[in-house]
N, C-alpha and C. Protein backbone atom coordinates (compact mmCIF):
# COMPACT_ATOMS: atom_id res chain seq x y z
N MET A 1 46.28 26.44 34.66
CA MET A 1 45.12 26.73 34.71
C MET A 1 44.37 27.72 35.43
N ARG A 2 44.89 28.00 36.61
CA ARG A 2 45.07 29.02 37.40
C ARG A 2 45.28 30.30 36.39
N THR A 3 46.72 30.51 36.26
CA THR A 3 46.82 31.67 35.46
C THR A 3 45.78 32.01 34.25
N VAL A 4 45.26 30.56 33.43
CA VAL A 4 44.18 31.15 32.77
C VAL A 4 42.89 32.04 33.31
N ARG A 5 42.66 31.61 34.49
CA ARG A 5 40.90 31.75 35.44
C ARG A 5 41.52 33.24 35.69
N LEU A 6 42.89 33.72 36.07
CA LEU A 6 43.20 35.00 36.35
C LEU A 6 42.96 35.72 35.29
N ILE A 7 43.64 35.35 33.85
CA ILE A 7 43.26 36.22 32.83
C ILE A 7 41.89 36.66 32.49
N ILE A 8 41.08 35.43 32.53
CA ILE A 8 39.47 35.44 31.92
C ILE A 8 38.79 36.38 33.34
N ALA A 9 39.44 36.78 34.39
CA ALA A 9 38.67 37.30 35.28
C ALA A 9 39.08 38.70 35.33
N LEU A 10 40.17 39.10 34.99
CA LEU A 10 41.06 40.35 34.55
C LEU A 10 40.17 41.02 33.33
N LEU A 11 39.85 40.38 32.38
CA LEU A 11 39.31 40.58 31.24
C LEU A 11 37.82 41.01 31.49
N ILE A 12 37.00 40.38 32.13
CA ILE A 12 35.61 40.44 32.83
C ILE A 12 35.66 41.76 33.19
N LEU A 13 36.52 42.19 34.43
CA LEU A 13 36.89 43.06 35.13
C LEU A 13 36.78 44.50 34.25
N THR A 14 37.79 43.99 33.38
CA THR A 14 38.20 45.48 32.42
C THR A 14 37.35 45.98 31.23
N THR A 15 36.66 45.12 31.00
CA THR A 15 35.65 45.00 29.53
C THR A 15 35.02 46.10 30.10
N PRO A 16 33.86 46.50 31.42
CA PRO A 16 33.08 47.32 31.42
C PRO A 16 33.62 48.84 31.56
N LEU A 17 34.95 48.43 32.05
CA LEU A 17 35.85 49.90 32.10
C LEU A 17 36.14 50.69 30.76
N LEU A 18 36.35 49.67 29.71
CA LEU A 18 36.76 50.19 28.44
C LEU A 18 35.30 50.94 27.79
N ALA A 19 33.86 49.86 28.04
CA ALA A 19 32.85 50.14 27.45
C ALA A 19 32.30 51.92 28.07
N GLN A 20 32.77 51.84 29.27
CA GLN A 20 32.40 53.43 29.79
C GLN A 20 33.15 54.22 29.03
N ASN A 21 34.53 54.11 28.42
CA ASN A 21 35.25 55.27 28.03
C ASN A 21 34.58 55.80 26.41
N ARG A 22 33.76 54.78 25.87
CA ARG A 22 33.23 55.26 24.55
C ARG A 22 31.77 56.20 24.74
N PHE A 23 31.92 56.93 24.22
CA PHE A 23 31.06 58.08 23.81
C PHE A 23 29.93 57.80 22.60
N ILE A 24 28.77 57.50 22.91
CA ILE A 24 27.72 57.31 22.15
C ILE A 24 26.79 58.36 21.65
N ASN A 25 26.34 58.61 20.41
CA ASN A 25 25.19 59.32 20.17
C ASN A 25 24.81 58.49 19.00
N ARG A 26 23.64 58.20 19.43
CA ARG A 26 22.64 57.35 18.61
C ARG A 26 21.89 58.65 17.66
N ASP A 27 21.57 59.49 18.10
CA ASP A 27 20.80 60.36 16.86
C ASP A 27 21.62 61.04 15.85
N LEU A 28 23.10 61.18 16.30
CA LEU A 28 23.85 61.42 14.84
C LEU A 28 24.42 60.23 14.70
N ASN A 29 24.51 59.07 15.17
CA ASN A 29 24.80 57.69 14.73
C ASN A 29 26.48 57.46 14.65
N PHE A 30 26.80 57.52 15.88
CA PHE A 30 28.50 57.35 15.76
C PHE A 30 28.92 57.26 17.33
N SER A 31 29.96 56.49 17.12
CA SER A 31 30.52 56.39 18.58
C SER A 31 32.04 56.78 18.62
N VAL A 32 32.70 57.14 19.65
CA VAL A 32 34.20 57.30 19.55
C VAL A 32 34.54 57.16 21.02
N LEU A 33 36.10 56.72 20.97
CA LEU A 33 36.43 56.55 22.61
C LEU A 33 36.60 57.88 22.85
N THR A 34 36.42 58.11 24.39
CA THR A 34 36.89 59.13 25.10
C THR A 34 38.63 59.23 25.17
N PRO A 35 39.06 60.39 24.93
CA PRO A 35 40.56 60.29 24.80
C PRO A 35 41.04 60.04 26.46
N ALA A 36 40.72 60.48 27.48
CA ALA A 36 41.09 60.36 28.66
C ALA A 36 39.93 60.60 29.72
N PRO A 37 39.72 59.87 31.11
CA PRO A 37 38.76 60.13 31.60
C PRO A 37 38.39 61.53 32.04
N GLU A 38 39.21 62.37 31.95
CA GLU A 38 39.14 63.68 32.64
C GLU A 38 38.91 64.68 31.26
N TRP A 39 38.62 64.22 30.27
CA TRP A 39 38.12 64.74 29.39
C TRP A 39 36.62 64.77 29.41
N GLN A 40 35.92 66.62 28.93
CA GLN A 40 34.60 66.29 29.15
C GLN A 40 34.16 66.75 27.94
N TRP A 41 32.76 65.95 27.61
CA TRP A 41 31.75 66.29 26.45
C TRP A 41 31.07 67.70 26.63
N ALA A 42 30.70 67.99 25.39
CA ALA A 42 29.74 69.30 25.17
C ALA A 42 29.24 69.12 23.79
N GLN A 43 28.40 69.92 23.40
CA GLN A 43 27.55 70.31 22.27
C GLN A 43 27.27 71.55 22.19
N VAL A 44 27.37 72.13 20.70
CA VAL A 44 27.05 73.04 20.43
C VAL A 44 25.40 73.57 20.34
N PRO A 45 24.48 74.27 21.24
CA PRO A 45 23.18 74.43 21.30
C PRO A 45 22.71 74.68 19.51
N ARG A 46 21.53 74.13 19.57
CA ARG A 46 20.68 73.60 18.39
C ARG A 46 20.47 74.80 17.70
N THR A 47 20.41 76.00 18.29
CA THR A 47 20.02 77.28 17.66
C THR A 47 21.48 77.81 17.03
N SER A 48 22.36 77.30 17.25
CA SER A 48 23.58 77.66 16.60
C SER A 48 24.59 76.49 15.70
N LEU A 49 23.67 75.76 15.07
CA LEU A 49 24.02 74.72 14.35
C LEU A 49 24.44 75.16 12.92
N GLY A 50 23.80 76.10 12.46
CA GLY A 50 23.82 76.50 11.31
C GLY A 50 23.03 75.40 10.43
N GLY A 51 23.84 74.90 9.33
CA GLY A 51 23.56 73.62 8.96
C GLY A 51 23.65 72.64 9.27
N CYS A 52 24.17 72.19 10.40
CA CYS A 52 24.86 70.87 10.92
C CYS A 52 23.56 70.25 11.44
N GLU A 53 23.78 69.06 11.61
CA GLU A 53 22.54 68.32 12.18
C GLU A 53 23.22 68.37 13.74
N GLY A 54 24.71 68.39 14.09
CA GLY A 54 25.14 68.45 15.20
C GLY A 54 26.52 68.92 15.73
N ILE A 55 26.96 69.24 16.29
CA ILE A 55 28.50 69.57 16.62
C ILE A 55 28.92 69.17 17.97
N ILE A 56 29.67 67.88 18.41
CA ILE A 56 29.73 67.65 19.70
C ILE A 56 31.24 67.57 19.90
N VAL A 57 31.79 68.48 20.98
CA VAL A 57 33.31 68.61 21.25
C VAL A 57 33.57 67.91 22.51
N VAL A 58 35.14 67.36 22.56
CA VAL A 58 35.58 66.64 23.80
C VAL A 58 36.86 67.96 24.21
N SER A 59 36.55 67.76 25.34
CA SER A 59 37.82 69.07 25.68
C SER A 59 38.42 68.53 26.85
N SER A 60 39.95 68.67 27.28
CA SER A 60 40.71 68.26 27.72
C SER A 60 41.04 69.59 28.94
N PRO A 61 41.27 69.22 30.52
CA PRO A 61 41.53 70.20 31.05
C PRO A 61 42.26 71.27 30.88
N HIS A 62 43.25 71.22 29.99
CA HIS A 62 44.05 71.98 29.40
C HIS A 62 43.58 72.90 28.31
N GLY A 63 42.51 72.80 28.12
CA GLY A 63 41.40 73.47 26.66
C GLY A 63 42.11 72.93 25.55
N GLU A 64 42.57 71.69 25.21
CA GLU A 64 42.60 70.93 23.95
C GLU A 64 40.92 70.69 23.62
N GLN A 65 40.91 70.72 22.52
CA GLN A 65 39.63 70.09 21.80
C GLN A 65 39.45 69.69 20.62
N PHE A 66 38.66 68.16 20.59
CA PHE A 66 38.42 67.95 19.39
C PHE A 66 36.88 67.93 19.05
N SER A 67 36.50 68.13 17.87
CA SER A 67 35.34 68.06 17.78
C SER A 67 34.89 67.20 16.63
N VAL A 68 33.40 66.84 16.60
CA VAL A 68 32.66 66.19 15.49
C VAL A 68 31.53 67.03 15.09
N SER A 69 31.63 67.32 13.27
CA SER A 69 30.44 67.97 13.06
C SER A 69 29.88 66.78 12.29
N VAL A 70 28.46 66.70 12.16
CA VAL A 70 27.78 66.08 11.48
C VAL A 70 26.90 66.93 10.80
N SER A 71 26.70 66.20 9.42
CA SER A 71 25.40 66.74 8.61
C SER A 71 24.24 66.36 8.71
N PRO A 72 23.38 66.71 7.96
CA PRO A 72 21.99 65.76 7.80
C PRO A 72 22.15 64.66 7.06
N THR A 73 21.32 63.78 6.91
CA THR A 73 21.58 62.89 6.06
C THR A 73 21.34 63.21 4.81
N GLY A 74 21.50 62.35 3.55
CA GLY A 74 21.68 62.48 2.19
C GLY A 74 22.51 61.59 1.91
N LYS A 75 22.97 61.78 0.36
CA LYS A 75 24.01 60.93 -0.43
C LYS A 75 24.84 61.89 -0.79
N PHE A 76 26.18 61.79 -0.32
CA PHE A 76 26.76 62.51 -0.65
C PHE A 76 28.17 61.87 -1.45
N ARG A 77 28.78 62.87 -2.27
CA ARG A 77 29.95 62.45 -3.13
C ARG A 77 31.16 63.07 -2.26
N LEU A 78 32.06 61.89 -1.81
CA LEU A 78 33.44 62.16 -1.24
C LEU A 78 34.48 62.06 -2.12
N ASP A 79 35.11 62.78 -2.66
CA ASP A 79 36.75 62.40 -3.85
C ASP A 79 37.24 63.56 -4.30
N GLU A 80 38.49 63.25 -4.58
CA GLU A 80 39.34 64.45 -4.76
C GLU A 80 38.83 65.91 -4.96
N ALA A 81 37.87 66.09 -5.70
CA ALA A 81 37.06 66.84 -6.04
C ALA A 81 36.47 67.62 -4.80
N THR A 82 35.90 66.83 -3.96
CA THR A 82 35.32 67.39 -2.71
C THR A 82 36.16 67.71 -1.71
N VAL A 83 37.68 67.48 -1.78
CA VAL A 83 38.64 67.94 -0.99
C VAL A 83 39.11 69.31 -1.22
N TYR A 84 38.85 69.39 -3.05
CA TYR A 84 39.42 70.74 -3.31
C TYR A 84 38.26 71.64 -3.05
N GLU A 85 36.96 71.35 -2.80
CA GLU A 85 35.93 72.26 -2.68
C GLU A 85 36.35 72.73 -1.37
N LEU A 86 36.33 71.39 -0.17
CA LEU A 86 37.06 71.83 1.25
C LEU A 86 38.06 72.71 1.22
N GLN A 87 39.20 72.77 0.40
CA GLN A 87 40.41 73.61 0.68
C GLN A 87 40.04 74.68 0.05
N SER A 88 39.11 75.11 -1.03
CA SER A 88 38.48 76.37 -1.39
C SER A 88 37.95 77.11 -0.35
N THR A 89 36.79 76.11 0.15
CA THR A 89 35.82 76.96 1.07
C THR A 89 36.98 77.40 2.10
N ILE A 90 37.67 76.89 2.60
CA ILE A 90 38.72 77.31 4.05
C ILE A 90 39.21 78.36 3.40
N ARG A 91 39.90 78.66 2.10
CA ARG A 91 40.82 79.70 1.78
C ARG A 91 39.95 80.98 1.54
N ARG A 92 38.57 80.70 0.99
CA ARG A 92 37.90 82.08 1.04
C ARG A 92 37.15 82.60 2.21
N ASP A 93 36.98 81.40 3.07
CA ASP A 93 36.67 81.97 4.54
C ASP A 93 37.46 82.90 5.12
N ALA A 94 38.72 81.97 4.91
CA ALA A 94 39.93 82.61 6.05
C ALA A 94 40.46 84.15 5.60
N ALA A 95 40.13 84.44 3.81
CA ALA A 95 40.50 85.45 3.62
C ALA A 95 39.29 86.81 3.88
N ASP A 96 38.01 86.25 4.15
CA ASP A 96 36.98 86.93 4.63
C ASP A 96 37.08 87.47 6.02
N LEU A 97 37.80 86.67 6.84
CA LEU A 97 38.28 86.79 8.20
C LEU A 97 39.60 87.27 8.63
N GLY A 98 40.14 87.43 7.19
CA GLY A 98 41.47 88.43 7.79
C GLY A 98 42.81 87.39 7.89
N TYR A 99 42.86 86.17 7.90
CA TYR A 99 44.05 85.67 7.65
C TYR A 99 44.29 84.43 6.66
N SER A 100 45.01 84.04 6.61
CA SER A 100 45.61 83.04 5.24
C SER A 100 45.79 81.72 5.80
N ILE A 101 45.97 80.69 4.83
CA ILE A 101 46.02 79.17 4.89
C ILE A 101 46.93 79.02 4.23
N ALA A 102 48.12 78.21 4.81
CA ALA A 102 49.36 77.65 4.11
C ALA A 102 49.15 76.09 4.32
N ASP A 103 50.24 75.45 3.93
CA ASP A 103 50.37 73.98 3.85
C ASP A 103 49.46 72.87 3.95
N PHE A 104 48.56 73.39 2.96
CA PHE A 104 47.25 72.32 3.27
C PHE A 104 47.68 70.87 2.28
N HIS A 105 47.64 69.81 3.17
CA HIS A 105 47.82 68.51 2.53
C HIS A 105 46.44 67.75 3.17
N HIS A 106 46.57 66.70 2.10
CA HIS A 106 45.34 65.71 2.18
C HIS A 106 45.80 64.37 1.73
N ILE A 107 45.28 63.17 2.30
CA ILE A 107 45.72 61.80 2.10
C ILE A 107 44.12 61.04 2.18
N ARG A 108 43.84 60.06 1.20
CA ARG A 108 43.01 59.38 0.92
C ARG A 108 43.03 58.36 2.34
N SER A 109 42.05 57.99 2.69
CA SER A 109 42.37 57.01 3.66
C SER A 109 40.90 56.08 3.69
N THR A 110 41.50 54.69 4.16
CA THR A 110 40.37 53.46 3.73
C THR A 110 39.70 53.28 5.29
N SER A 111 39.95 54.25 6.05
CA SER A 111 39.71 53.83 7.78
C SER A 111 39.99 54.73 8.54
N PRO A 112 38.82 54.91 9.70
CA PRO A 112 38.20 53.91 10.08
C PRO A 112 36.51 53.71 9.21
N ILE A 113 36.60 54.86 8.13
CA ILE A 113 35.19 54.71 7.22
C ILE A 113 35.92 54.64 5.96
N PHE A 114 35.04 54.38 5.10
CA PHE A 114 35.35 54.01 3.65
C PHE A 114 34.28 54.80 2.75
N PRO A 115 33.97 56.07 2.07
CA PRO A 115 35.55 56.58 1.97
C PRO A 115 35.60 57.77 2.66
N SER A 116 37.20 58.14 3.06
CA SER A 116 37.26 59.32 3.90
C SER A 116 38.79 59.86 3.52
N TYR A 117 38.89 61.02 4.47
CA TYR A 117 40.50 61.63 3.99
C TYR A 117 40.78 62.27 5.08
N THR A 118 42.26 62.07 5.41
CA THR A 118 42.66 62.83 6.13
C THR A 118 43.34 64.25 5.79
N TYR A 119 43.33 65.49 6.73
CA TYR A 119 43.77 66.89 6.16
C TYR A 119 44.21 67.77 7.19
N SER A 120 45.09 68.61 6.85
CA SER A 120 45.60 69.80 7.59
C SER A 120 46.19 70.52 6.95
N TYR A 121 46.35 71.79 7.79
CA TYR A 121 46.84 73.31 7.26
C TYR A 121 47.18 73.75 8.30
N THR A 122 47.50 75.22 8.17
CA THR A 122 48.39 76.15 9.07
C THR A 122 47.58 77.21 8.52
N ARG A 123 46.75 77.89 10.03
CA ARG A 123 46.43 79.22 9.68
C ARG A 123 47.28 80.25 10.18
N VAL A 124 47.27 81.16 9.38
CA VAL A 124 48.44 82.39 9.70
C VAL A 124 47.44 83.91 9.79
N GLY A 125 47.33 84.25 11.09
CA GLY A 125 46.99 85.58 11.31
C GLY A 125 47.54 86.60 10.94
N LYS A 126 46.46 87.83 10.93
CA LYS A 126 47.42 89.23 10.38
C LYS A 126 48.65 89.48 11.12
N ASP A 127 49.04 88.73 12.27
CA ASP A 127 50.09 89.38 12.93
C ASP A 127 51.14 88.12 13.12
N GLY A 128 50.87 87.46 12.10
CA GLY A 128 51.97 86.08 11.57
C GLY A 128 51.90 85.21 12.79
N LYS A 129 50.97 85.07 13.92
CA LYS A 129 50.97 84.22 14.71
C LYS A 129 50.53 82.68 13.80
N LYS A 130 50.93 81.60 13.97
CA LYS A 130 50.48 80.62 13.23
C LYS A 130 49.71 79.54 14.35
N SER A 131 48.66 78.96 14.07
CA SER A 131 48.03 77.85 14.60
C SER A 131 47.59 76.62 13.43
N TYR A 132 47.29 75.74 14.19
CA TYR A 132 47.25 74.34 13.01
C TYR A 132 46.09 73.36 13.17
N VAL A 133 45.46 73.06 11.97
CA VAL A 133 44.44 72.25 12.16
C VAL A 133 44.59 71.14 11.39
N ASP A 134 44.02 70.01 12.34
CA ASP A 134 44.15 68.51 11.72
C ASP A 134 42.89 67.99 11.67
N GLY A 135 42.30 67.24 10.54
CA GLY A 135 41.20 67.00 10.29
C GLY A 135 41.23 65.33 9.58
N TYR A 136 39.92 65.29 9.71
CA TYR A 136 39.19 63.66 9.29
C TYR A 136 38.00 63.86 8.70
N LEU A 137 37.65 63.72 7.26
CA LEU A 137 36.48 63.86 6.58
C LEU A 137 35.93 62.67 6.21
N ALA A 138 34.76 62.39 6.70
CA ALA A 138 33.99 60.57 6.10
C ALA A 138 32.56 61.19 5.60
N ALA A 139 32.42 60.15 4.78
CA ALA A 139 30.92 60.11 4.33
C ALA A 139 30.11 58.84 4.31
N VAL A 140 28.95 58.42 4.89
CA VAL A 140 28.41 57.60 4.84
C VAL A 140 27.05 58.11 4.35
N ASN A 141 25.90 57.92 4.74
CA ASN A 141 24.63 58.79 4.76
C ASN A 141 24.91 60.18 5.32
N ARG A 142 25.72 60.35 6.08
CA ARG A 142 26.05 61.90 6.81
C ARG A 142 27.34 62.21 6.82
N VAL A 143 27.66 63.19 6.52
CA VAL A 143 29.16 63.76 6.45
C VAL A 143 29.67 63.85 7.81
N TYR A 144 30.96 63.21 8.07
CA TYR A 144 31.30 63.22 9.38
C TYR A 144 32.82 64.17 9.40
N THR A 145 32.54 65.25 9.84
CA THR A 145 34.17 66.11 10.06
C THR A 145 34.55 66.30 11.61
N ILE A 146 35.97 65.30 12.04
CA ILE A 146 36.64 65.25 13.06
C ILE A 146 37.57 66.32 12.93
N GLN A 147 37.80 67.52 13.88
CA GLN A 147 39.00 68.24 13.79
C GLN A 147 39.42 68.69 15.24
N TYR A 148 41.03 69.08 15.15
CA TYR A 148 41.78 69.17 16.29
C TYR A 148 42.49 70.43 15.96
N ALA A 149 41.86 71.85 16.37
CA ALA A 149 42.63 73.14 15.85
C ALA A 149 43.77 73.12 17.55
N SER A 150 44.59 73.79 17.07
CA SER A 150 45.86 73.89 18.29
C SER A 150 46.69 74.93 17.62
N ASP A 151 47.39 75.67 19.00
CA ASP A 151 48.51 76.28 18.75
C ASP A 151 49.91 75.45 18.53
N ALA A 152 49.87 73.90 19.15
CA ALA A 152 51.31 73.23 18.78
C ALA A 152 50.93 72.17 18.43
N ARG A 153 49.84 71.76 18.00
CA ARG A 153 49.37 70.07 17.76
C ARG A 153 49.88 69.20 19.27
N GLY A 154 49.70 69.76 20.53
CA GLY A 154 50.56 68.87 21.15
C GLY A 154 49.81 67.80 21.56
N SER A 155 48.61 67.54 21.45
CA SER A 155 47.80 66.18 21.42
C SER A 155 47.39 65.79 20.12
N LEU A 156 48.37 65.96 19.33
CA LEU A 156 48.21 65.07 17.80
C LEU A 156 47.96 63.83 18.12
N ASP A 157 48.61 63.00 18.90
CA ASP A 157 48.85 61.48 19.06
C ASP A 157 47.35 61.19 19.51
N ASP A 158 46.81 62.06 20.67
CA ASP A 158 45.77 61.60 21.17
C ASP A 158 44.69 61.78 19.92
N PHE A 159 44.66 62.90 19.26
CA PHE A 159 43.91 63.11 17.94
C PHE A 159 43.66 61.75 17.26
N LYS A 160 44.64 61.49 16.77
CA LYS A 160 45.17 60.41 16.00
C LYS A 160 44.44 58.91 16.40
N ARG A 161 44.33 58.62 17.61
CA ARG A 161 43.76 57.77 18.43
C ARG A 161 42.66 57.76 18.61
N PHE A 162 41.87 58.90 18.43
CA PHE A 162 40.22 59.37 18.75
C PHE A 162 39.56 59.25 17.47
N VAL A 163 40.45 59.33 16.00
CA VAL A 163 40.06 59.11 15.01
C VAL A 163 40.06 57.76 14.84
N ALA A 164 40.93 56.84 15.09
CA ALA A 164 40.93 55.93 14.59
C ALA A 164 39.83 54.94 15.59
N SER A 165 39.71 55.43 16.58
CA SER A 165 38.39 54.67 17.42
C SER A 165 37.20 55.02 16.81
N PHE A 166 36.99 56.05 15.76
CA PHE A 166 35.55 56.40 15.64
C PHE A 166 34.73 55.12 14.73
N GLN A 167 33.61 54.99 15.15
CA GLN A 167 32.81 54.27 14.41
C GLN A 167 31.21 54.60 14.27
N ILE A 168 30.51 53.75 13.30
CA ILE A 168 29.15 54.14 13.29
C ILE A 168 28.72 53.36 13.93
N ALA A 169 27.46 53.49 14.84
CA ALA A 169 26.74 53.11 15.69
C ALA A 169 25.98 52.32 15.13
N ASP A 170 24.96 52.58 14.14
CA ASP A 170 24.36 51.52 13.74
C ASP A 170 24.09 51.53 12.17
N LYS A 171 24.90 50.62 11.53
CA LYS A 171 25.60 50.17 9.97
C LYS A 171 24.02 50.35 9.16
N PHE A 172 22.79 49.91 9.96
CA PHE A 172 21.61 49.56 9.03
C PHE A 172 21.01 51.20 8.88
N GLU A 173 21.00 52.21 10.10
CA GLU A 173 20.48 53.38 9.62
C GLU A 173 21.37 54.31 8.88
N ALA A 174 22.70 53.88 8.68
CA ALA A 174 23.53 54.54 7.79
C ALA A 174 23.20 54.15 6.31
N GLN A 175 22.57 53.20 6.02
CA GLN A 175 22.09 53.15 4.82
C GLN A 175 20.62 54.15 3.98
N ARG A 176 20.03 54.86 5.34
CA ARG A 176 18.97 55.13 4.97
C ARG A 176 19.22 56.66 4.44
N GLY A 177 18.15 57.09 3.60
CA GLY A 177 18.11 58.53 3.07
C GLY A 177 19.34 58.49 2.01
N THR A 178 19.60 57.62 1.50
CA THR A 178 21.06 57.96 0.55
C THR A 178 20.25 57.74 -1.34
N GLY A 179 19.28 58.13 -1.34
CA GLY A 179 18.53 58.29 -2.33
C GLY A 179 18.73 59.19 -3.66
N GLY A 180 18.52 59.60 -4.52
CA GLY A 180 18.89 60.76 -5.58
C GLY A 180 20.31 60.62 -5.83
N PRO A 181 20.50 61.82 -6.93
CA PRO A 181 21.81 61.73 -7.17
C PRO A 181 22.72 62.29 -5.67
N ALA A 182 24.05 61.94 -5.92
CA ALA A 182 25.31 62.12 -4.90
C ALA A 182 25.53 63.63 -5.01
N MET A 183 25.33 64.35 -3.98
CA MET A 183 26.08 65.83 -3.67
C MET A 183 27.43 65.73 -3.02
N SER A 184 27.77 67.19 -3.37
CA SER A 184 29.03 67.76 -2.69
C SER A 184 28.19 67.77 -1.08
N PRO A 185 29.25 67.85 -0.12
CA PRO A 185 28.70 68.23 1.46
C PRO A 185 28.76 69.82 1.58
N PHE A 186 29.58 70.18 0.61
CA PHE A 186 29.63 71.56 0.52
C PHE A 186 28.52 72.60 -0.26
N GLY A 187 28.41 72.14 -1.44
CA GLY A 187 27.69 73.09 -2.37
C GLY A 187 26.27 72.74 -2.19
N GLY A 188 26.20 71.15 -1.41
CA GLY A 188 24.77 71.09 -1.36
C GLY A 188 23.85 71.34 -0.06
N LEU A 189 25.03 71.63 1.01
CA LEU A 189 24.47 71.91 2.10
C LEU A 189 25.03 73.25 2.71
N PRO A 190 24.91 74.18 2.27
CA PRO A 190 25.61 75.34 2.88
C PRO A 190 25.52 75.46 4.18
N GLY A 191 26.82 75.49 4.61
CA GLY A 191 26.89 76.03 6.46
C GLY A 191 26.95 74.58 7.20
N ALA A 192 26.92 73.34 6.69
CA ALA A 192 26.86 72.06 6.86
C ALA A 192 28.03 71.72 7.39
N MET A 193 29.42 72.36 6.82
CA MET A 193 30.68 72.20 7.53
C MET A 193 31.25 73.28 8.14
N LYS A 194 30.16 73.81 9.55
CA LYS A 194 30.30 74.70 10.16
C LYS A 194 32.25 74.84 10.85
N THR A 195 32.32 73.71 11.29
CA THR A 195 33.75 73.78 11.82
C THR A 195 34.89 73.79 10.89
N ALA A 196 34.51 73.95 9.38
CA ALA A 196 35.52 73.31 8.49
C ALA A 196 36.87 74.51 8.94
N LEU A 197 36.96 75.97 9.52
CA LEU A 197 37.92 76.66 9.87
C LEU A 197 38.79 76.53 10.87
N GLY A 198 38.11 75.29 11.77
CA GLY A 198 38.86 74.73 12.58
C GLY A 198 39.16 75.84 14.07
N GLN A 199 38.28 76.59 14.27
CA GLN A 199 38.31 77.19 15.52
C GLN A 199 37.63 77.13 16.44
N PRO A 200 38.58 76.89 17.56
CA PRO A 200 37.99 76.24 19.06
C PRO A 200 36.58 76.88 19.50
N MET A 201 36.21 75.83 20.08
CA MET A 201 34.73 76.69 20.52
C MET A 201 34.83 77.21 22.04
N ALA A 202 34.54 78.21 22.36
CA ALA A 202 34.25 79.04 23.46
C ALA A 202 33.27 78.19 24.62
N PRO A 203 33.88 77.86 25.72
CA PRO A 203 33.50 77.35 26.73
C PRO A 203 31.93 77.42 26.69
N ASN A 204 31.72 78.64 27.05
CA ASN A 204 29.96 79.35 27.16
C ASN A 204 29.57 79.22 25.68
N ALA A 205 29.95 78.77 25.06
CA ALA A 205 29.46 78.29 23.85
C ALA A 205 28.59 77.22 23.51
N MET A 206 28.68 76.26 24.41
CA MET A 206 28.18 74.76 24.27
C MET A 206 27.74 74.53 25.64
N GLU A 207 26.73 73.51 25.57
CA GLU A 207 26.17 72.84 26.44
C GLU A 207 26.51 71.43 27.16
N PRO A 208 26.99 71.30 28.04
CA PRO A 208 27.63 69.95 28.74
C PRO A 208 26.78 68.84 28.61
N ILE A 209 27.85 67.99 28.36
CA ILE A 209 26.92 66.25 28.19
C ILE A 209 27.45 65.53 29.18
N THR A 210 26.36 65.01 30.02
CA THR A 210 26.52 63.94 31.05
C THR A 210 26.87 62.60 30.32
N HIS A 211 27.92 62.33 30.86
CA HIS A 211 28.63 60.89 30.20
C HIS A 211 29.31 59.96 31.05
């Protein structure tokens, strides 16, 4: 009996600490676990969002970044054709900026959001230097793009746990604004996938978020 009481007491003490580690943005209607206590949250200023409703970034002390880009509300189509559009957009924009894309892969996923896809690709610069982008694309009444751009995928396991912890904050709100025909998040919202190229955000281009 004493052991049971001890376990219950530990659960009571631990639960608030776990809750504090979950970042919640009710305006963009999502929540996700902070990778570790030392990681810091920031956001791209509204004047620099392009077609996005918001871009939230969490960064480690060593400069690793995970970003969450969120579109305005709408009714979106998310299927194999959409992922093909994503790949075409990435390749076209890469060519415009003078680098190439290799090893693009994607897999349909049923969690944490349905429908959704995971994807990855390699960016190759003019000098041959490679960097890597891992991402997750999901749609409810907004399109959520979660990405990790890096030189060596050193925090890939952390990123996978980050994606797995992603949740819609208010499921009722996620049903709003879904009338009319479904559209592609790329063709219907120019610029809404601003971070599709997976380029890390400069610290001086972001506003800190107190969490």
